[in-house]
Amino acid sequence: MFGLGIQELLIILVIALVLFGPGKLPQIGSGLGKAIRDFKKGLSGDAAEGDSQAGDGAKKDSSKELPR
């Protein structure tokens, strides 16, 4: 996991406990998890949305006739 061992993860956890306190850690963890989920959803949604819009635009443009 990113080259971090158990000792390094425990040190990070202790530092986070000292900085934020035990009451804030669940809120920070849930907020971080939600942000990661939204980011992944946004990446997958934008890619699929962009492909479908490009396909729709190409279909619409080809059906239009140019004015003379």
C-alpha atoms as a PDB file:
ATOM      1  CA  MET A   1       0.000   0.000   0.000  1.00  0.00           C
ATOM      2  CA  PHE A   2       2.145   2.866  -1.328  1.00  0.00           C
ATOM      3  CA  GLY A   3       5.188   1.367   0.365  1.00  0.00           C
ATOM      4  CA  LEU A   4       3.825   2.132   3.840  1.00  0.00           C
ATOM      5  CA  GLY A   5       4.217  -0.480   6.527  1.00  0.00           C
ATOM      6  CA  ILE A   6       2.258  -0.992   9.729  1.00  0.00           C
ATOM      7  CA  GLN A   7       4.624   1.231  11.719  1.00  0.00           C
ATOM      8  CA  GLU A   8       4.285   4.149   9.336  1.00  0.00           C
ATOM      9  CA  LEU A   9       0.477   3.865   9.281  1.00  0.00           C
ATOM     10  CA  LEU A  10       0.368   3.810  13.103  1.00  0.00           C
ATOM     11  CA  ILE A  11       2.554   6.914  13.284  1.00  0.00           C
ATOM     12  CA  ILE A  12       0.249   8.723  10.824  1.00  0.00           C
ATOM     13  CA  LEU A  13      -2.784   7.656  12.874  1.00  0.00           C
ATOM     14  CA  VAL A  14      -1.230   8.929  16.122  1.00  0.00           C
ATOM     15  CA  ILE A  15      -0.359  12.269  14.490  1.00  0.00           C
ATOM     16  CA  ALA A  16      -3.916  12.581  13.153  1.00  0.00           C
ATOM     17  CA  LEU A  17      -5.316  11.824  16.627  1.00  0.00           C
ATOM     18  CA  VAL A  18      -3.132  14.522  18.179  1.00  0.00           C
ATOM     19  CA  LEU A  19      -3.996  17.119  15.531  1.00  0.00           C
ATOM     20  CA  PHE A  20      -7.730  16.539  15.144  1.00  0.00           C
ATOM     21  CA  GLY A  21      -8.787  14.646  18.263  1.00  0.00           C
ATOM     22  CA  PRO A  22     -10.844  11.454  18.441  1.00  0.00           C
ATOM     23  CA  GLY A  23     -14.162  13.242  17.861  1.00  0.00           C
ATOM     24  CA  LYS A  24     -13.234  14.698  14.471  1.00  0.00           C
ATOM     25  CA  LEU A  25     -11.558  11.644  12.919  1.00  0.00           C
ATOM     26  CA  PRO A  26     -14.815   9.858  11.909  1.00  0.00           C
ATOM     27  CA  GLN A  27     -16.081  13.061  10.269  1.00  0.00           C
ATOM     28  CA  ILE A  28     -12.812  13.553   8.419  1.00  0.00           C
ATOM     29  CA  GLY A  29     -12.762   9.910   7.291  1.00  0.00           C
ATOM     30  CA  SER A  30     -16.331   9.970   6.007  1.00  0.00           C
ATOM     31  CA  GLY A  31     -15.753  13.277   4.230  1.00  0.00           C
ATOM     32  CA  LEU A  32     -12.609  11.939   2.581  1.00  0.00           C
ATOM     33  CA  GLY A  33     -14.406   8.756   1.514  1.00  0.00           C
ATOM     34  CA  LYS A  34     -17.292  10.730   0.030  1.00  0.00           C
ATOM     35  CA  ALA A  35     -14.898  13.007  -1.837  1.00  0.00           C
ATOM     36  CA  ILE A  36     -13.083  10.023  -3.354  1.00  0.00           C
ATOM     37  CA  ARG A  37     -16.394   8.374  -4.369  1.00  0.00           C
ATOM     38  CA  ASP A  38     -17.653  11.591  -5.960  1.00  0.00           C
ATOM     39  CA  PHE A  39     -14.364  12.066  -7.784  1.00  0.00           C
ATOM     40  CA  LYS A  40     -14.462   8.538  -9.214  1.00  0.00           C
ATOM     41  CA  LYS A  41     -18.128   8.934 -10.137  1.00  0.00           C
ATOM     42  CA  GLY A  42     -17.357  12.235 -11.843  1.00  0.00           C
ATOM     43  CA  LEU A  43     -14.532  10.726 -13.847  1.00  0.00           C
ATOM     44  CA  SER A  44     -16.608   7.794 -15.053  1.00  0.00           C
ATOM     45  CA  GLY A  45     -19.693   9.957 -15.648  1.00  0.00           C
ATOM     46  CA  ASP A  46     -17.832  12.603 -17.634  1.00  0.00           C
ATOM     47  CA  ALA A  47     -16.171  10.052 -19.893  1.00  0.00           C
ATOM     48  CA  ALA A  48     -19.451   8.283 -20.663  1.00  0.00           C
ATOM     49  CA  GLU A  49     -21.308  11.582 -21.002  1.00  0.00           C
ATOM     50  CA  GLY A  50     -18.712  13.034 -23.358  1.00  0.00           C
ATOM     51  CA  ASP A  51     -18.825   9.970 -25.620  1.00  0.00           C
ATOM     52  CA  SER A  52     -22.606  10.008 -25.855  1.00  0.00           C
ATOM     53  CA  GLN A  53     -22.716  13.754 -26.534  1.00  0.00           C
ATOM     54  CA  ALA A  54     -20.118  13.460 -29.278  1.00  0.00           C
ATOM     55  CA  GLY A  55     -22.113  10.684 -30.908  1.00  0.00           C
ATOM     56  CA  ASP A  56     -25.380  12.615 -30.650  1.00  0.00           C
ATOM     57  CA  GLY A  57     -23.778  15.751 -32.037  1.00  0.00           C
ATOM     58  CA  ALA A  58     -22.384  13.895 -35.006  1.00  0.00           C
ATOM     59  CA  LYS A  59     -25.794  12.391 -35.762  1.00  0.00           C
ATOM     60  CA  LYS A  60     -27.543  15.756 -35.472  1.00  0.00           C
ATOM     61  CA  ASP A  61     -24.979  17.537 -37.645  1.00  0.00           C
ATOM     62  CA  SER A  62     -25.146  14.956 -40.416  1.00  0.00           C
ATOM     63  CA  SER A  63     -28.936  15.193 -40.626  1.00  0.00           C
ATOM     64  CA  LYS A  64     -28.917  18.985 -41.074  1.00  0.00           C
ATOM     65  CA  GLU A  65     -28.892  20.392 -44.536  1.00  0.00           C
ATOM     66  CA  LEU A  66     -26.858  23.448 -45.376  1.00  0.00           C
ATOM     67  CA  PRO A  67     -28.855  26.509 -46.470  1.00  0.00           C
ATOM     68  CA  ARG A  68     -28.302  27.644 -50.057  1.00  0.00           C
END
